[in-house]
N, C-alpha and C. Protein backbone atom coordinates (compact mmCIF):
# COMPACT_ATOMS: atom_id res chain seq x y z
N MET A 1 0.86 -1.16 0.00
CA MET A 1 0.00 0.00 0.01
C MET A 1 0.89 1.23 0.00
N ASN A 2 0.73 2.09 -0.98
CA ASN A 2 1.50 3.32 -1.09
C ASN A 2 0.58 4.51 -1.06
N TYR A 3 0.96 5.47 -0.24
CA TYR A 3 0.17 6.72 -0.16
C TYR A 3 1.10 7.81 0.29
N THR A 4 0.67 9.04 0.03
CA THR A 4 1.35 10.23 0.55
C THR A 4 0.40 10.95 1.46
N VAL A 5 0.99 11.73 2.38
CA VAL A 5 0.20 12.46 3.35
C VAL A 5 0.52 13.97 3.24
N SER A 6 -0.48 14.77 3.15
CA SER A 6 -0.30 16.24 3.13
C SER A 6 -1.25 16.86 4.11
N THR A 7 -0.94 18.09 4.51
CA THR A 7 -1.71 18.80 5.52
C THR A 7 -2.02 20.21 5.12
N LYS A 8 -3.24 20.66 5.37
CA LYS A 8 -3.65 22.03 5.18
C LYS A 8 -4.28 22.52 6.46
N GLN A 9 -4.07 23.80 6.78
CA GLN A 9 -4.64 24.38 8.03
C GLN A 9 -5.29 25.74 7.72
N ALA A 10 -6.26 26.07 8.51
CA ALA A 10 -6.88 27.38 8.47
C ALA A 10 -7.33 27.76 9.88
N THR A 11 -7.21 29.04 10.20
CA THR A 11 -7.63 29.51 11.51
C THR A 11 -8.79 30.52 11.29
N ILE A 12 -9.80 30.40 12.12
CA ILE A 12 -10.99 31.22 12.01
C ILE A 12 -11.51 31.56 13.41
N ALA A 13 -12.20 32.67 13.55
CA ALA A 13 -12.80 33.01 14.83
C ALA A 13 -13.81 31.92 15.22
N ALA A 14 -13.82 31.52 16.46
CA ALA A 14 -14.68 30.42 16.92
C ALA A 14 -16.15 30.72 16.71
N ASP A 15 -16.57 31.95 17.00
CA ASP A 15 -17.99 32.27 16.85
C ASP A 15 -18.42 32.20 15.40
N GLU A 16 -17.55 32.59 14.47
CA GLU A 16 -17.85 32.49 13.02
C GLU A 16 -17.89 31.01 12.60
N PHE A 17 -16.92 30.25 13.09
CA PHE A 17 -16.87 28.80 12.74
C PHE A 17 -18.14 28.12 13.18
N ILE A 18 -18.56 28.37 14.40
CA ILE A 18 -19.75 27.75 14.95
C ILE A 18 -20.99 28.19 14.19
N SER A 19 -21.15 29.45 13.90
CA SER A 19 -22.35 29.93 13.24
C SER A 19 -22.42 29.43 11.78
N ARG A 20 -21.27 29.32 11.12
CA ARG A 20 -21.25 28.87 9.71
C ARG A 20 -21.34 27.37 9.54
N TYR A 21 -20.78 26.61 10.45
CA TYR A 21 -20.60 25.16 10.16
C TYR A 21 -21.29 24.22 11.14
N ARG A 22 -21.90 24.67 12.23
CA ARG A 22 -22.52 23.73 13.11
C ARG A 22 -24.02 23.69 12.84
N ASP A 23 -24.52 22.46 12.63
CA ASP A 23 -25.94 22.17 12.46
C ASP A 23 -26.20 20.85 13.14
N ILE A 24 -26.32 20.87 14.44
CA ILE A 24 -26.36 19.66 15.25
C ILE A 24 -27.43 18.69 14.80
N GLU A 25 -28.63 19.18 14.59
CA GLU A 25 -29.73 18.22 14.24
C GLU A 25 -29.55 17.61 12.89
N ARG A 26 -29.10 18.38 11.89
CA ARG A 26 -28.92 17.83 10.56
C ARG A 26 -27.76 16.78 10.53
N ILE A 27 -26.68 17.11 11.19
CA ILE A 27 -25.54 16.20 11.23
C ILE A 27 -25.86 14.97 12.07
N ARG A 28 -26.66 15.14 13.12
CA ARG A 28 -27.07 13.98 13.93
C ARG A 28 -27.81 12.96 13.13
N GLN A 29 -28.57 13.39 12.12
CA GLN A 29 -29.27 12.44 11.25
C GLN A 29 -28.28 11.53 10.51
N TYR A 30 -27.12 12.04 10.12
CA TYR A 30 -26.11 11.21 9.52
C TYR A 30 -25.55 10.23 10.54
N CYS A 31 -25.29 10.71 11.77
CA CYS A 31 -24.82 9.84 12.81
C CYS A 31 -25.75 8.66 13.08
N LEU A 32 -27.02 8.96 13.04
CA LEU A 32 -28.04 7.88 13.29
C LEU A 32 -27.96 6.78 12.26
N GLN A 33 -27.46 7.05 11.07
CA GLN A 33 -27.32 6.07 10.00
C GLN A 33 -26.08 5.20 10.15
N CYS A 34 -25.18 5.62 10.98
CA CYS A 34 -23.88 4.92 11.15
C CYS A 34 -24.04 3.68 12.01
N PRO A 35 -23.48 2.56 11.59
CA PRO A 35 -23.58 1.34 12.42
C PRO A 35 -22.88 1.48 13.75
N GLY A 36 -22.00 2.46 13.91
CA GLY A 36 -21.32 2.69 15.17
C GLY A 36 -22.05 3.59 16.15
N TYR A 37 -23.22 4.09 15.73
CA TYR A 37 -23.96 5.02 16.58
C TYR A 37 -24.20 4.39 17.96
N GLY A 38 -23.81 5.10 19.00
CA GLY A 38 -24.04 4.62 20.37
C GLY A 38 -23.13 3.53 20.85
N THR A 39 -22.09 3.21 20.06
CA THR A 39 -21.19 2.12 20.44
C THR A 39 -19.83 2.58 20.93
N SER A 40 -19.62 3.90 20.92
CA SER A 40 -18.35 4.45 21.36
C SER A 40 -18.61 5.70 22.20
N TRP A 41 -17.82 5.88 23.24
CA TRP A 41 -17.98 7.09 24.08
C TRP A 41 -17.66 8.35 23.33
N GLY A 42 -17.00 8.24 22.18
CA GLY A 42 -16.68 9.42 21.38
C GLY A 42 -17.80 9.81 20.45
N CYS A 43 -18.87 9.01 20.36
CA CYS A 43 -19.95 9.24 19.44
C CYS A 43 -21.27 9.48 20.17
N PRO A 44 -22.21 10.14 19.49
CA PRO A 44 -23.53 10.32 20.06
C PRO A 44 -24.23 8.97 20.25
N PRO A 45 -25.30 8.95 21.04
CA PRO A 45 -25.84 10.04 21.80
C PRO A 45 -24.99 10.32 23.03
N PHE A 46 -24.99 11.60 23.39
CA PHE A 46 -24.16 12.06 24.53
C PHE A 46 -25.07 12.35 25.74
N ASP A 47 -24.42 12.37 26.90
CA ASP A 47 -25.14 12.78 28.14
C ASP A 47 -24.87 14.25 28.45
N PHE A 48 -24.43 14.99 27.41
CA PHE A 48 -24.23 16.43 27.49
C PHE A 48 -24.75 17.10 26.24
N ASP A 49 -24.95 18.39 26.27
CA ASP A 49 -25.41 19.11 25.12
C ASP A 49 -24.19 19.41 24.23
N PRO A 50 -24.13 18.83 23.01
CA PRO A 50 -22.96 19.05 22.17
C PRO A 50 -22.73 20.55 21.80
N ALA A 51 -23.72 21.37 21.96
CA ALA A 51 -23.53 22.78 21.67
C ALA A 51 -22.65 23.45 22.71
N THR A 52 -22.55 22.87 23.90
CA THR A 52 -21.79 23.51 24.95
C THR A 52 -20.27 23.21 24.96
N VAL A 53 -19.86 22.20 24.22
CA VAL A 53 -18.46 21.80 24.25
C VAL A 53 -17.52 22.80 23.59
N THR A 54 -18.07 23.70 22.82
CA THR A 54 -17.27 24.72 22.15
C THR A 54 -17.42 26.10 22.79
N ASP A 55 -18.11 26.16 23.92
CA ASP A 55 -18.30 27.45 24.60
C ASP A 55 -17.01 28.06 25.11
N GLY A 56 -16.85 29.37 24.99
CA GLY A 56 -15.76 30.08 25.58
C GLY A 56 -14.47 30.14 24.80
N PHE A 57 -14.43 29.58 23.62
CA PHE A 57 -13.21 29.61 22.80
C PHE A 57 -13.23 30.80 21.86
N LYS A 58 -12.04 31.30 21.54
CA LYS A 58 -11.91 32.49 20.67
C LYS A 58 -11.57 32.12 19.21
N THR A 59 -10.71 31.10 19.05
CA THR A 59 -10.29 30.74 17.69
C THR A 59 -10.35 29.25 17.49
N VAL A 60 -10.41 28.87 16.20
CA VAL A 60 -10.38 27.48 15.81
C VAL A 60 -9.35 27.33 14.71
N THR A 61 -8.45 26.35 14.89
CA THR A 61 -7.52 26.00 13.83
C THR A 61 -7.92 24.62 13.33
N VAL A 62 -8.37 24.58 12.09
CA VAL A 62 -8.81 23.34 11.45
C VAL A 62 -7.67 22.78 10.65
N THR A 63 -7.46 21.46 10.76
CA THR A 63 -6.41 20.78 10.00
C THR A 63 -7.04 19.68 9.19
N GLY A 64 -6.72 19.66 7.92
CA GLY A 64 -7.10 18.51 7.04
C GLY A 64 -5.86 17.76 6.72
N THR A 65 -5.83 16.51 7.13
CA THR A 65 -4.69 15.61 6.82
C THR A 65 -5.16 14.64 5.75
N THR A 66 -4.61 14.81 4.55
CA THR A 66 -5.09 14.05 3.41
C THR A 66 -4.15 12.92 3.09
N ILE A 67 -4.73 11.73 2.97
CA ILE A 67 -4.03 10.51 2.55
C ILE A 67 -4.35 10.30 1.07
N GLU A 68 -3.36 10.41 0.21
CA GLU A 68 -3.62 10.23 -1.21
C GLU A 68 -2.96 8.92 -1.69
N PHE A 69 -3.76 8.02 -2.24
CA PHE A 69 -3.32 6.71 -2.67
C PHE A 69 -2.77 6.77 -4.10
N ASP A 70 -1.70 6.04 -4.37
CA ASP A 70 -1.18 5.96 -5.73
C ASP A 70 -2.10 5.05 -6.57
N GLU A 71 -1.93 5.15 -7.88
CA GLU A 71 -2.80 4.44 -8.81
C GLU A 71 -2.65 2.93 -8.64
N GLN A 72 -1.42 2.47 -8.38
CA GLN A 72 -1.20 1.00 -8.21
C GLN A 72 -1.98 0.47 -7.01
N THR A 73 -1.94 1.21 -5.92
CA THR A 73 -2.71 0.77 -4.74
C THR A 73 -4.20 0.77 -5.02
N ARG A 74 -4.68 1.77 -5.70
CA ARG A 74 -6.10 1.84 -6.02
C ARG A 74 -6.51 0.71 -6.96
N ALA A 75 -5.70 0.42 -7.96
CA ALA A 75 -5.99 -0.63 -8.91
C ALA A 75 -6.00 -2.02 -8.24
N ALA A 76 -5.15 -2.17 -7.23
CA ALA A 76 -5.06 -3.48 -6.55
C ALA A 76 -6.30 -3.78 -5.70
N CYS A 77 -7.07 -2.77 -5.40
CA CYS A 77 -8.31 -2.96 -4.62
C CYS A 77 -9.43 -3.32 -5.59
N THR A 78 -9.64 -4.61 -5.75
CA THR A 78 -10.64 -5.08 -6.74
C THR A 78 -12.01 -5.37 -6.19
N THR A 79 -12.13 -5.30 -4.87
CA THR A 79 -13.44 -5.52 -4.23
C THR A 79 -13.71 -4.36 -3.24
N ALA A 80 -14.97 -4.18 -2.91
CA ALA A 80 -15.36 -3.15 -1.95
C ALA A 80 -14.71 -3.49 -0.57
N SER A 81 -14.66 -4.74 -0.20
CA SER A 81 -14.10 -5.08 1.10
C SER A 81 -12.59 -4.82 1.15
N GLU A 82 -11.91 -5.06 0.03
CA GLU A 82 -10.47 -4.73 -0.01
C GLU A 82 -10.23 -3.22 0.04
N SER A 83 -11.06 -2.48 -0.66
CA SER A 83 -10.94 -1.01 -0.61
C SER A 83 -11.17 -0.49 0.81
N ALA A 84 -12.18 -1.04 1.46
CA ALA A 84 -12.45 -0.63 2.86
C ALA A 84 -11.29 -0.97 3.75
N ARG A 85 -10.76 -2.16 3.62
CA ARG A 85 -9.62 -2.60 4.46
C ARG A 85 -8.41 -1.69 4.27
N VAL A 86 -8.03 -1.42 3.01
CA VAL A 86 -6.89 -0.56 2.72
C VAL A 86 -7.12 0.84 3.26
N GLY A 87 -8.30 1.38 3.04
CA GLY A 87 -8.60 2.72 3.57
C GLY A 87 -8.53 2.78 5.08
N ARG A 88 -9.08 1.79 5.75
CA ARG A 88 -9.03 1.74 7.23
C ARG A 88 -7.59 1.62 7.71
N GLU A 89 -6.78 0.73 7.08
CA GLU A 89 -5.39 0.56 7.50
C GLU A 89 -4.62 1.85 7.37
N ALA A 90 -4.79 2.54 6.23
CA ALA A 90 -4.06 3.80 6.04
C ALA A 90 -4.48 4.85 7.07
N MET A 91 -5.81 4.94 7.30
CA MET A 91 -6.27 5.90 8.31
C MET A 91 -5.72 5.60 9.66
N GLU A 92 -5.68 4.32 10.03
CA GLU A 92 -5.15 3.94 11.35
C GLU A 92 -3.68 4.27 11.46
N GLN A 93 -2.90 4.00 10.41
CA GLN A 93 -1.47 4.33 10.45
C GLN A 93 -1.22 5.79 10.63
N VAL A 94 -1.95 6.59 9.81
CA VAL A 94 -1.77 8.04 9.93
C VAL A 94 -2.26 8.55 11.28
N TRP A 95 -3.37 8.02 11.76
CA TRP A 95 -3.98 8.43 12.99
C TRP A 95 -3.06 8.19 14.17
N GLN A 96 -2.37 7.07 14.17
CA GLN A 96 -1.49 6.71 15.26
C GLN A 96 -0.33 7.72 15.41
N SER A 97 0.08 8.34 14.33
CA SER A 97 1.11 9.40 14.41
C SER A 97 0.51 10.77 14.66
N LEU A 98 -0.72 10.96 14.21
CA LEU A 98 -1.36 12.29 14.35
C LEU A 98 -1.89 12.55 15.75
N LEU A 99 -2.46 11.57 16.41
CA LEU A 99 -3.07 11.76 17.71
C LEU A 99 -2.10 12.32 18.75
N PRO A 100 -0.89 11.80 18.88
CA PRO A 100 0.03 12.41 19.89
C PRO A 100 0.33 13.88 19.59
N THR A 101 0.38 14.21 18.31
CA THR A 101 0.62 15.61 17.90
C THR A 101 -0.54 16.51 18.39
N LEU A 102 -1.76 16.01 18.24
CA LEU A 102 -2.92 16.80 18.70
C LEU A 102 -2.91 16.98 20.20
N TYR A 103 -2.61 15.94 20.96
CA TYR A 103 -2.51 16.07 22.41
C TYR A 103 -1.42 17.09 22.79
N GLU A 104 -0.30 17.04 22.07
CA GLU A 104 0.80 18.00 22.34
C GLU A 104 0.38 19.44 22.05
N GLN A 105 -0.35 19.66 20.97
CA GLN A 105 -0.88 21.00 20.67
C GLN A 105 -1.74 21.49 21.79
N GLU A 106 -2.58 20.61 22.30
CA GLU A 106 -3.47 20.98 23.37
C GLU A 106 -2.66 21.33 24.64
N ARG A 107 -1.61 20.60 24.93
CA ARG A 107 -0.75 20.89 26.10
C ARG A 107 -0.05 22.25 25.94
N GLN A 108 0.33 22.58 24.74
CA GLN A 108 1.08 23.80 24.48
C GLN A 108 0.19 25.03 24.57
N VAL A 109 -1.10 24.88 24.40
CA VAL A 109 -2.00 26.00 24.43
C VAL A 109 -2.98 25.81 25.62
N PRO A 110 -2.66 26.35 26.78
CA PRO A 110 -3.50 26.14 27.97
C PRO A 110 -4.94 26.57 27.68
N GLY A 111 -5.86 25.73 28.17
CA GLY A 111 -7.29 26.02 27.99
C GLY A 111 -7.83 25.63 26.65
N SER A 112 -7.04 25.01 25.80
CA SER A 112 -7.52 24.63 24.46
C SER A 112 -8.16 23.23 24.52
N ARG A 113 -8.78 22.87 23.43
CA ARG A 113 -9.41 21.54 23.33
C ARG A 113 -9.30 21.08 21.86
N CYS A 114 -8.76 19.89 21.69
CA CYS A 114 -8.72 19.35 20.32
C CYS A 114 -9.93 18.47 20.03
N PHE A 115 -10.34 18.50 18.82
CA PHE A 115 -11.41 17.62 18.31
C PHE A 115 -10.74 16.76 17.25
N THR A 116 -10.95 15.47 17.38
CA THR A 116 -10.16 14.50 16.65
C THR A 116 -10.97 13.81 15.55
N PHE A 117 -10.35 12.86 14.93
CA PHE A 117 -10.93 12.05 13.87
C PHE A 117 -11.96 11.10 14.46
N ARG A 118 -11.57 10.25 15.30
CA ARG A 118 -12.48 9.36 16.06
C ARG A 118 -11.68 8.72 17.17
N CYS A 119 -12.37 8.17 18.14
CA CYS A 119 -11.67 7.58 19.28
C CYS A 119 -11.14 6.20 18.93
N VAL A 120 -9.84 6.01 19.18
CA VAL A 120 -9.19 4.70 18.96
C VAL A 120 -8.33 4.37 20.17
N LEU A 121 -8.74 4.85 21.35
CA LEU A 121 -7.93 4.66 22.53
C LEU A 121 -7.89 3.21 23.02
N CYS A 122 -8.93 2.48 22.75
CA CYS A 122 -9.02 1.10 23.31
C CYS A 122 -9.06 0.05 22.17
N PRO A 123 -7.86 -0.46 21.83
CA PRO A 123 -7.83 -1.46 20.76
C PRO A 123 -8.67 -2.71 21.04
N GLU A 124 -8.88 -2.97 22.34
CA GLU A 124 -9.69 -4.12 22.75
C GLU A 124 -11.18 -3.83 22.61
N GLY A 125 -11.54 -2.63 22.26
CA GLY A 125 -12.95 -2.27 22.11
C GLY A 125 -13.46 -1.33 23.20
N CYS A 126 -14.38 -0.47 22.81
CA CYS A 126 -14.96 0.51 23.74
C CYS A 126 -15.86 -0.24 24.77
N THR A 127 -15.87 0.35 25.97
CA THR A 127 -16.71 -0.22 27.02
C THR A 127 -18.18 0.19 26.95
N ARG A 128 -18.49 1.14 26.10
CA ARG A 128 -19.87 1.63 26.02
C ARG A 128 -20.90 0.57 25.72
N PRO A 129 -20.66 -0.35 24.76
CA PRO A 129 -21.68 -1.41 24.52
C PRO A 129 -21.99 -2.29 25.73
N GLN A 130 -21.04 -2.37 26.67
CA GLN A 130 -21.30 -3.15 27.88
C GLN A 130 -21.89 -2.32 29.01
N GLY A 131 -22.15 -1.04 28.75
CA GLY A 131 -22.71 -0.14 29.72
C GLY A 131 -21.74 0.26 30.78
N LYS A 132 -20.41 0.14 30.49
CA LYS A 132 -19.37 0.50 31.44
C LYS A 132 -18.82 1.89 31.09
N PRO A 133 -18.26 2.59 32.09
CA PRO A 133 -17.70 3.91 31.82
C PRO A 133 -16.46 3.84 30.91
N CYS A 134 -16.14 4.96 30.33
CA CYS A 134 -14.94 5.10 29.49
C CYS A 134 -13.67 4.79 30.33
N ARG A 135 -12.78 4.01 29.75
CA ARG A 135 -11.50 3.68 30.46
C ARG A 135 -10.58 4.92 30.50
N HIS A 136 -10.69 5.80 29.59
CA HIS A 136 -9.74 6.95 29.47
C HIS A 136 -10.50 8.28 29.28
N PRO A 137 -11.37 8.67 30.20
CA PRO A 137 -12.13 9.88 30.01
C PRO A 137 -11.25 11.13 29.92
N GLU A 138 -10.08 11.14 30.50
CA GLU A 138 -9.18 12.29 30.43
C GLU A 138 -8.56 12.44 29.05
N ARG A 139 -8.53 11.39 28.26
CA ARG A 139 -7.92 11.40 26.94
C ARG A 139 -8.96 11.39 25.82
N LEU A 140 -10.22 11.07 26.15
CA LEU A 140 -11.26 11.01 25.13
C LEU A 140 -11.49 12.38 24.51
N ARG A 141 -11.48 12.43 23.22
CA ARG A 141 -11.82 13.65 22.48
C ARG A 141 -12.83 13.30 21.43
N HIS A 142 -13.71 14.20 21.11
CA HIS A 142 -14.79 13.98 20.17
C HIS A 142 -14.37 14.47 18.77
N SER A 143 -15.02 13.92 17.75
CA SER A 143 -14.77 14.43 16.41
C SER A 143 -15.67 15.66 16.19
N LEU A 144 -15.31 16.45 15.26
CA LEU A 144 -16.15 17.62 14.92
C LEU A 144 -17.56 17.22 14.51
N GLU A 145 -17.67 16.20 13.67
CA GLU A 145 -19.02 15.82 13.24
C GLU A 145 -19.87 15.26 14.37
N SER A 146 -19.24 14.63 15.38
CA SER A 146 -20.05 14.07 16.45
C SER A 146 -20.72 15.16 17.29
N VAL A 147 -20.15 16.39 17.26
CA VAL A 147 -20.80 17.47 17.97
C VAL A 147 -21.47 18.48 17.03
N GLY A 148 -21.76 17.96 15.79
CA GLY A 148 -22.64 18.70 14.90
C GLY A 148 -22.02 19.58 13.81
N PHE A 149 -20.76 19.40 13.50
CA PHE A 149 -20.14 20.25 12.47
C PHE A 149 -20.19 19.54 11.10
N ASP A 150 -20.44 20.35 10.07
CA ASP A 150 -20.51 19.86 8.69
C ASP A 150 -19.11 19.87 8.09
N LEU A 151 -18.47 18.70 8.05
CA LEU A 151 -17.06 18.62 7.58
C LEU A 151 -16.92 18.87 6.13
N GLU A 152 -17.92 18.52 5.32
CA GLU A 152 -17.81 18.80 3.88
C GLU A 152 -17.71 20.28 3.66
N ALA A 153 -18.52 21.07 4.29
CA ALA A 153 -18.49 22.52 4.16
C ALA A 153 -17.19 23.10 4.74
N VAL A 154 -16.77 22.61 5.87
CA VAL A 154 -15.55 23.07 6.51
C VAL A 154 -14.35 22.87 5.62
N THR A 155 -14.18 21.65 5.09
CA THR A 155 -13.00 21.36 4.29
C THR A 155 -13.05 22.09 2.95
N ARG A 156 -14.22 22.18 2.37
CA ARG A 156 -14.37 22.89 1.08
C ARG A 156 -14.08 24.37 1.24
N ASP A 157 -14.74 25.01 2.22
CA ASP A 157 -14.62 26.47 2.38
C ASP A 157 -13.30 26.91 2.96
N LEU A 158 -12.81 26.23 3.99
CA LEU A 158 -11.62 26.71 4.69
C LEU A 158 -10.34 26.12 4.20
N LEU A 159 -10.38 24.90 3.63
CA LEU A 159 -9.11 24.23 3.26
C LEU A 159 -9.01 23.97 1.77
N GLY A 160 -10.06 24.23 1.03
CA GLY A 160 -10.03 23.97 -0.41
C GLY A 160 -9.93 22.47 -0.76
N ILE A 161 -10.47 21.62 0.13
CA ILE A 161 -10.44 20.17 -0.08
C ILE A 161 -11.88 19.68 -0.22
N ASP A 162 -12.13 18.98 -1.32
CA ASP A 162 -13.41 18.30 -1.48
C ASP A 162 -13.29 16.87 -0.96
N LEU A 163 -14.15 16.52 0.00
CA LEU A 163 -14.14 15.18 0.56
C LEU A 163 -14.60 14.22 -0.54
N GLU A 164 -13.99 13.03 -0.58
CA GLU A 164 -14.39 12.00 -1.54
C GLU A 164 -15.10 10.91 -0.82
N TRP A 165 -16.14 10.41 -1.42
CA TRP A 165 -16.88 9.24 -0.90
C TRP A 165 -16.96 8.21 -1.98
N SER A 166 -16.65 6.98 -1.70
CA SER A 166 -16.74 5.94 -2.70
C SER A 166 -18.20 5.52 -2.81
N THR A 167 -18.69 5.51 -4.05
CA THR A 167 -20.07 5.10 -4.28
C THR A 167 -20.12 3.73 -4.97
N ASP A 168 -19.01 3.29 -5.49
CA ASP A 168 -18.98 2.00 -6.23
C ASP A 168 -18.10 0.95 -5.57
N GLY A 169 -17.59 1.22 -4.36
CA GLY A 169 -16.76 0.26 -3.67
C GLY A 169 -15.28 0.39 -4.02
N ALA A 170 -14.93 1.28 -4.93
CA ALA A 170 -13.52 1.50 -5.27
C ALA A 170 -12.84 2.33 -4.18
N LEU A 171 -11.53 2.18 -4.07
CA LEU A 171 -10.77 2.98 -3.11
C LEU A 171 -10.73 4.40 -3.61
N SER A 172 -11.08 5.36 -2.77
CA SER A 172 -11.08 6.79 -3.15
C SER A 172 -9.67 7.21 -3.45
N LYS A 173 -9.51 8.24 -4.27
CA LYS A 173 -8.21 8.79 -4.55
C LYS A 173 -7.55 9.32 -3.29
N HIS A 174 -8.39 9.90 -2.42
CA HIS A 174 -7.85 10.40 -1.15
C HIS A 174 -8.91 10.34 -0.05
N ILE A 175 -8.40 10.27 1.15
CA ILE A 175 -9.20 10.29 2.35
C ILE A 175 -8.66 11.43 3.22
N THR A 176 -9.52 12.25 3.75
CA THR A 176 -9.06 13.39 4.56
C THR A 176 -9.57 13.22 5.99
N LEU A 177 -8.64 13.27 6.95
CA LEU A 177 -8.96 13.28 8.37
C LEU A 177 -9.01 14.75 8.80
N VAL A 178 -10.11 15.14 9.45
CA VAL A 178 -10.31 16.53 9.81
C VAL A 178 -10.30 16.65 11.35
N THR A 179 -9.40 17.52 11.82
CA THR A 179 -9.28 17.74 13.25
C THR A 179 -9.29 19.27 13.48
N ALA A 180 -9.44 19.65 14.78
CA ALA A 180 -9.46 21.07 15.08
C ALA A 180 -8.94 21.31 16.48
N LEU A 181 -8.33 22.46 16.64
CA LEU A 181 -7.94 22.91 17.98
C LEU A 181 -8.69 24.18 18.29
N PHE A 182 -9.56 24.13 19.29
CA PHE A 182 -10.29 25.29 19.76
C PHE A 182 -9.44 25.90 20.90
N SER A 183 -9.20 27.18 20.80
CA SER A 183 -8.39 27.85 21.85
C SER A 183 -8.95 29.22 22.14
């Protein structure tokens, strides 16, 4: 599997970001369609109001980390399941190096909060399906979409990136992980 990784960033006032890109009810409808809905502490439904997690911040720095697959890798994915496996593996590899960087950014900016791609803290599986509390509540971070942000609009407007979705089971040319630091 061969891919390249590139990054784009944009900073915007938090109140403008929230007013332009958050639509909790519309985005929640997409979450309801996900087979992972309610199975991870990082995903809805929440025991808090998602509108409050961004209160009090002044700026938002959005980062799009794009994984671009070479033609050989894409051509080698001849089934939808192979495409999904390759896409997941690439995202996991990139995410494992990206997550520590996000935590470090948060440490460097007191009072900030990062919003991540998705929770992968427990390789053995999340405790939520068993009705148990999160093993790592101090490290748990939510994704932007889980708290109601429209990532297609964010990446298009602020980063100049059009998100790709596979409709025929083929491996997309690129996958973009979207994160943000609210400070």
